[in-house]
Amino acid sequence: MDIIDILYGEHGMLLRILEALEEYEMPKQRWDTEIAACRMAARLMRSHADMEDELLFPALVGRSDYATVVLEDHKADHFVIRKLLREAERPGSGAPERLRELATAIRNHFEKEEGILFPMMRNAIPRGELEKLGEATRAYRRMEKYRKAPL
C-alpha cells in the first residue's frame, strides 16, 4: 500500500471522528467530556499532520514550481489547523463553535489534498517511490507509540 492510500484511509477515519463529535449533543455541564474528545481528535490530527510534514511534503520538494506553491499552501493550512486544535481543546463556553470551525478547516484541507496534492503526487512520483513512502509511513506509525506526542 502506498502513502497516498494510507492517507486516504486516515482522512476517512478522522472525518468520521469529526462527524461523531459534531453530532453529539453535549449538555453544558459535561463540556469536560467534549473537551477530552476534542483532545483525542487533536492528537490524531497532529499525528497525521506531523507525518505529512516529515514524509509526504519532502517527497514533493523540487518536483516542480507548482508543487512548491501547493506545499506552501498545505503548510499554511497545517499552521492554521494546529492553532484551531489548541483553541478547540480549551475549556469553557464556545466549545461547539470552535469544534465546527476546526472541522470546516480540516474538511477543506482534506479536499485540497485529495483534489490537488494526491493527484499531483501520483503524476510526479514513481509508483515504487510511493510504495517506499508507504513503508516509511507504517514504520513512522510503529515508532510513534514510543514518542511522547504533545497533547
Foldseek 3Di string as FASTA:
>chain_A
DFPVVVLVVLLVVLLVLLVVLLPDDDPLVPVVVSLVSLLVSLLSVVLSLVLCVVQVLVVQPPLDPVSVVLSVVLVVLVVVLNVLSVVLNDDDPPNSVSSVVSSVSSVVSVCCCVVPVVVVCPVRPDPVVRRVSVVVSVVSVVCVVVDDGDD
